[in-house]
Each structure stands twice: as C-alpha cells, then as structure tokens.
Amino acid sequence: MSDYTLAVNWSGKDALADSDSAKVISGSDFNTEFTTIRTAVNSKADLNGDATEDFAINNGTVAGTLAITGIPTAPTASAGTDTTQLATTAFVEAATGAITAAFINNLVYPVGSLYFNMAVNTNPNTLLGVGTWVAYAEGEVLVGFESSGTFDALDESLGAETAAHTLTTAETPAHTHTFSRADTTGSGSAAARDQHDGGGSTFTTNSTGGGGAHSHSTLQPSVTVYIWKRTA
C-alpha cells in the first residue's frame, strides 16, 4: 500500500523562463502524473460504503490505537472457544455465569460438606449444579467431634430413636425403704414371735411415687430438617 506523491514538479515549471522548453506542459506530463495516481489508488484496500454503510473488509489489520464510538457488534463465539477471537458481552456472560456458579458452589460445599434445607427435599446437585449427594443423618441429631470420649469417631451413629425409656431393675438407683411393723415381747403366740423376729412371714412396704412403668422421656429439644452429605 503506497501513498500518492507528485510525479511532475508542476509549480517548478512556473519558475522557468518562458523560453525554457521544460516549462511547456505536455501530454507526457499528464500521462506520467495520472499513471502515478493510478498506481497509488490501485494499491489501496478495496473499501465500500460511507459513514452510514458497512465496510466489506476481509482479513484487515489495524495497527496502533483504535478508538470506537457507539455500540459496535460482533459475532458471538460458541461456548468453550479458546482463541484470540473477539469475545462479545454475550459470550462472556454465558461463560462466567456458568463458571462462577460452579466455582463458588465448589468452594462453599467441598466433598464432605453437609447441606440443610427446610423447604424441599431436592438433591443439592439439582439446586447447586455440583457434586454427588446422599441423604444423611436421617432420624439423628448432630454432635461435635471430641478428641477422646464417646464422640471421638467421625460419622458414627450412636444411641437409639426412642422418645421414652422404661427403667430396668439394674438401672434403678440404689435406695432404701422404711415400713412399720408390730413388735411384741415376751412369750406370746407363735404369730406374735414371727412378727418380732421376721421369721415365717413376708412384709411388703407401702407403694410410693407416681406409679406406672417408671418410664421417662429421652427426647432432647429438636427440629427436623432435610440433611444431605456431599460424597464426590
């Protein structure tokens, strides 16, 4: 691509003397000048259109700074395109939207995380778009890990799901009973002597307490939620 420069020194001819043959403008001069113009024009890019029309440019290159006003448009690349192709806002929105959701959810819910929901019992993969999840701790409450003691193993189920417990004889606390008896002295009847020394008869104390089967509630204050555990 070349720029046009004058081939004939037209203004220089004016400075020549009238007797100088070089001052005469000939058809050869015009031919030389127009040939130079044609060469310069033909070397330029073939553009069409004005300020209100599109340009037909194939494989054009812009060097330096390019200032664009208005709202330029371009074709939107397909998802996953990894080239130096121009990225439109539509492409960026689609790419970052999907990446951001998956990225954030993976940070918030890594493998081993628990997900709680009180509205719907939907697999978190459907809600979050990441991970493999299984229902967890159904009918159980959660308790913090301790380095030693009853709760020193992770993911261990302990206890039983019972709202009430009936005490067995072995579970009854050690206690004493008092009862009244009739004491006799001397050498009375055999029945009187049996009451005095406890021989030959069985005595039962009066009943005390609330009666019943001696059961009590073992259910701690609780609230029911859906719990899911991420396994992969």
Protein backbone atom coordinates (compact mmCIF):
# COMPACT_ATOMS: atom_id res chain seq x y z
CA MET A 1 0.00 0.00 0.00
CA SER A 2 1.69 3.20 -1.17
CA ASP A 3 0.84 6.87 -0.75
CA TYR A 4 0.48 9.18 -3.75
CA THR A 5 3.22 11.74 -4.41
CA LEU A 6 3.53 14.14 -7.34
CA ALA A 7 5.46 12.76 -10.30
CA VAL A 8 5.76 16.11 -12.09
CA ASN A 9 7.01 19.33 -10.46
CA TRP A 10 4.13 21.47 -11.64
CA SER A 11 4.90 24.52 -9.55
CA GLY A 12 8.55 24.34 -10.60
CA LYS A 13 7.56 24.87 -14.19
CA ASP A 14 6.21 28.31 -13.33
CA ALA A 15 9.64 29.45 -12.19
CA LEU A 16 11.23 28.58 -15.50
CA ALA A 17 11.80 31.15 -18.19
CA ASP A 18 9.27 31.32 -20.93
CA SER A 19 11.99 30.36 -23.38
CA ASP A 20 12.72 27.15 -21.46
CA SER A 21 11.16 24.19 -23.22
CA ALA A 22 10.74 22.42 -19.85
CA LYS A 23 8.15 25.00 -18.92
CA VAL A 24 5.81 23.61 -21.51
CA ILE A 25 3.18 21.23 -20.16
CA SER A 26 2.93 18.23 -22.42
CA GLY A 27 0.65 15.28 -22.73
CA SER A 28 3.55 13.17 -21.47
CA ASP A 29 3.49 15.12 -18.21
CA PHE A 30 -0.20 14.35 -17.71
CA ASN A 31 0.36 10.71 -18.59
CA THR A 32 3.15 10.42 -16.05
CA GLU A 33 1.11 12.12 -13.33
CA PHE A 34 -2.07 10.13 -13.89
CA THR A 35 -0.09 6.88 -14.06
CA THR A 36 1.35 7.67 -10.65
CA ILE A 37 -2.12 8.43 -9.30
CA ARG A 38 -3.50 5.17 -10.72
CA THR A 39 -0.70 3.14 -9.13
CA ALA A 40 -1.31 4.69 -5.72
CA VAL A 41 -5.08 4.27 -5.91
CA ASN A 42 -4.88 0.66 -7.08
CA SER A 43 -2.62 -0.23 -4.17
CA LYS A 44 -5.19 0.88 -1.60
CA ALA A 45 -7.65 -1.52 0.11
CA ASP A 46 -10.90 -2.04 -1.75
CA LEU A 47 -13.43 -0.43 0.63
CA ASN A 48 -17.06 0.33 0.05
CA GLY A 49 -19.52 2.36 1.93
CA ASP A 50 -19.62 5.65 3.67
CA ALA A 51 -20.28 6.63 7.27
CA THR A 52 -23.77 5.08 7.16
CA GLU A 53 -22.83 1.82 5.44
CA ASP A 54 -20.90 -1.32 6.33
CA PHE A 55 -17.37 -1.85 5.10
CA ALA A 56 -16.52 -5.04 3.24
CA ILE A 57 -13.08 -5.84 4.65
CA ASN A 58 -11.51 -9.28 4.70
CA ASN A 59 -8.52 -10.01 6.93
CA GLY A 60 -7.83 -6.35 7.65
CA THR A 61 -5.26 -5.32 10.25
CA VAL A 62 -5.39 -2.22 12.43
CA ALA A 63 -2.08 -1.05 13.86
CA GLY A 64 -1.83 1.32 16.78
CA THR A 65 -4.68 2.72 18.85
CA LEU A 66 -8.23 2.36 17.56
CA ALA A 67 -10.95 4.50 19.12
CA ILE A 68 -14.50 3.26 18.52
CA THR A 69 -17.61 5.24 19.38
CA GLY A 70 -21.15 3.97 19.57
CA ILE A 71 -22.00 0.31 20.22
CA PRO A 72 -20.03 -2.00 17.92
CA THR A 73 -21.28 -5.56 17.42
CA ALA A 74 -19.50 -8.79 16.55
CA PRO A 75 -20.39 -12.49 16.15
CA THR A 76 -20.71 -14.37 19.46
CA ALA A 77 -18.32 -17.29 19.71
CA SER A 78 -19.60 -20.72 20.68
CA ALA A 79 -19.22 -21.86 24.29
CA GLY A 80 -15.74 -23.09 25.12
CA THR A 81 -13.95 -21.12 22.38
CA ASP A 82 -10.32 -20.60 23.42
CA THR A 83 -8.69 -18.34 20.82
CA THR A 84 -7.77 -14.68 20.35
CA GLN A 85 -11.16 -14.15 18.73
CA LEU A 86 -13.08 -11.10 19.92
CA ALA A 87 -15.34 -12.01 22.86
CA THR A 88 -18.73 -10.35 22.95
CA THR A 89 -20.54 -9.50 26.17
CA ALA A 90 -22.96 -12.35 25.44
CA PHE A 91 -20.09 -14.85 25.30
CA VAL A 92 -18.50 -13.51 28.49
CA GLU A 93 -21.80 -13.53 30.38
CA ALA A 94 -22.55 -17.14 29.43
CA ALA A 95 -19.02 -18.32 30.22
CA THR A 96 -18.55 -16.51 33.52
CA GLY A 97 -22.10 -17.23 34.67
CA ALA A 98 -21.64 -21.00 34.44
CA ILE A 99 -18.07 -20.93 35.74
CA THR A 100 -18.86 -18.64 38.65
CA ALA A 101 -21.78 -20.72 39.90
CA ALA A 102 -19.83 -23.98 39.80
CA PHE A 103 -16.70 -22.35 41.23
CA ILE A 104 -18.48 -20.73 44.16
CA ASN A 105 -20.55 -23.80 44.99
CA ASN A 106 -17.44 -25.98 44.96
CA LEU A 107 -15.79 -23.58 47.40
CA VAL A 108 -18.80 -23.40 49.69
CA TYR A 109 -19.67 -27.11 49.53
CA PRO A 110 -16.48 -29.21 49.14
CA VAL A 111 -16.63 -33.02 49.43
CA GLY A 112 -17.72 -33.93 52.96
CA SER A 113 -19.95 -30.86 53.37
CA LEU A 114 -23.49 -31.02 54.75
CA TYR A 115 -26.42 -29.23 53.11
CA PHE A 116 -29.58 -28.33 55.05
CA ASN A 117 -32.97 -27.44 53.62
CA MET A 118 -36.35 -26.95 55.29
CA ALA A 119 -38.36 -26.22 52.14
CA VAL A 120 -37.82 -29.04 49.64
CA ASN A 121 -36.18 -32.44 49.79
CA THR A 122 -34.35 -31.99 46.48
CA ASN A 123 -30.91 -33.41 45.73
CA PRO A 124 -28.47 -30.47 46.11
CA ASN A 125 -26.88 -31.35 42.75
CA THR A 126 -30.10 -30.12 41.13
CA LEU A 127 -30.04 -26.93 43.20
CA LEU A 128 -26.29 -26.18 43.17
CA GLY A 129 -25.16 -27.84 39.94
CA VAL A 130 -22.18 -29.61 41.53
CA GLY A 131 -21.37 -32.77 43.46
CA THR A 132 -22.78 -36.16 44.35
CA TRP A 133 -25.03 -36.10 47.42
CA VAL A 134 -26.72 -38.66 49.68
CA ALA A 135 -29.36 -38.24 52.38
CA TYR A 136 -27.63 -38.10 55.75
CA ALA A 137 -28.33 -38.50 59.49
CA GLU A 138 -31.98 -39.48 59.00
CA GLY A 139 -33.67 -39.60 62.43
CA GLU A 140 -30.44 -38.49 64.15
CA VAL A 141 -29.08 -35.30 65.66
CA LEU A 142 -25.59 -33.91 65.07
CA VAL A 143 -22.93 -33.59 67.77
CA GLY A 144 -19.45 -32.07 67.65
CA PHE A 145 -16.35 -34.28 67.44
CA GLU A 146 -14.24 -34.70 70.59
CA SER A 147 -10.67 -35.98 70.68
CA SER A 148 -11.50 -38.63 73.29
CA GLY A 149 -14.66 -39.95 74.83
CA THR A 150 -18.00 -41.11 73.47
CA PHE A 151 -17.89 -38.90 70.37
CA ASP A 152 -14.29 -39.49 69.26
CA ALA A 153 -15.10 -41.09 65.87
CA LEU A 154 -16.49 -39.22 62.88
CA ASP A 155 -19.59 -40.39 61.06
CA GLU A 156 -20.53 -42.76 63.91
CA SER A 157 -24.17 -43.45 64.75
CA LEU A 158 -24.85 -43.81 68.48
CA GLY A 159 -27.95 -44.37 70.57
CA ALA A 160 -31.46 -45.36 69.53
CA GLU A 161 -34.50 -43.45 68.32
CA THR A 162 -36.83 -43.71 71.36
CA ALA A 163 -38.88 -40.93 72.89
CA ALA A 164 -39.36 -42.75 76.21
CA HIS A 165 -37.36 -45.28 78.19
CA THR A 166 -38.55 -47.76 80.83
CA LEU A 167 -36.08 -48.37 83.64
CA THR A 168 -34.98 -51.91 84.32
CA THR A 169 -34.20 -53.19 87.83
CA ALA A 170 -30.48 -52.82 87.14
CA GLU A 171 -30.96 -49.20 86.07
CA THR A 172 -32.91 -48.26 89.23
CA PRO A 173 -30.74 -46.18 91.61
CA ALA A 174 -29.78 -47.75 94.91
CA HIS A 175 -32.33 -46.81 97.60
CA THR A 176 -33.92 -47.89 100.88
CA HIS A 177 -37.49 -48.41 102.11
CA THR A 178 -38.98 -47.95 105.55
CA PHE A 179 -42.03 -49.78 106.86
CA SER A 180 -43.88 -50.17 110.12
CA ARG A 181 -44.20 -53.45 111.98
CA ALA A 182 -45.81 -54.58 115.16
CA ASP A 183 -43.34 -55.57 117.85
CA THR A 184 -44.28 -57.98 120.69
CA THR A 185 -42.27 -59.02 123.67
CA GLY A 186 -42.37 -61.99 125.95
CA SER A 187 -43.50 -65.49 125.10
CA GLY A 188 -46.77 -64.78 123.36
CA SER A 189 -48.24 -66.69 120.44
CA ALA A 190 -46.16 -68.03 117.57
CA ALA A 191 -47.62 -65.42 115.20
CA ALA A 192 -46.51 -62.63 117.53
CA ARG A 193 -42.99 -64.06 117.74
CA ASP A 194 -42.83 -64.31 113.93
CA GLN A 195 -43.70 -60.62 113.63
CA HIS A 196 -40.93 -59.78 116.12
CA ASP A 197 -38.06 -61.72 114.63
CA GLY A 198 -39.17 -61.76 110.94
CA GLY A 199 -39.36 -65.48 110.74
CA GLY A 200 -42.12 -67.27 108.90
CA SER A 201 -43.79 -64.18 107.35
CA THR A 202 -43.11 -61.71 104.43
CA PHE A 203 -43.66 -57.95 104.81
CA THR A 204 -44.34 -55.52 101.91
CA THR A 205 -43.84 -51.75 102.15
CA ASN A 206 -46.39 -49.23 101.02
CA SER A 207 -46.12 -48.00 97.39
CA THR A 208 -44.74 -44.51 96.82
CA GLY A 209 -44.05 -42.31 93.79
CA GLY A 210 -46.11 -41.78 90.65
CA GLY A 211 -46.69 -45.45 89.88
CA GLY A 212 -46.77 -46.70 86.28
CA ALA A 213 -43.90 -48.33 84.37
CA HIS A 214 -41.22 -45.94 85.64
CA SER A 215 -40.57 -44.55 82.14
CA HIS A 216 -39.15 -41.12 81.27
CA SER A 217 -38.60 -39.14 78.07
CA THR A 218 -35.14 -39.21 76.47
CA LEU A 219 -36.02 -36.92 73.54
CA GLN A 220 -33.96 -33.74 73.54
CA PRO A 221 -35.30 -30.46 72.10
CA SER A 222 -35.05 -30.92 68.33
CA VAL A 223 -36.08 -29.51 64.95
CA THR A 224 -36.49 -31.54 61.77
CA VAL A 225 -34.69 -30.58 58.54
CA TYR A 226 -33.50 -32.28 55.35
CA ILE A 227 -29.78 -33.09 55.56
CA TRP A 228 -27.58 -34.11 52.62
CA LYS A 229 -23.89 -35.04 52.60
CA ARG A 230 -21.62 -34.48 49.61
CA THR A 231 -19.63 -37.64 48.80
CA ALA A 232 -17.98 -36.68 45.49
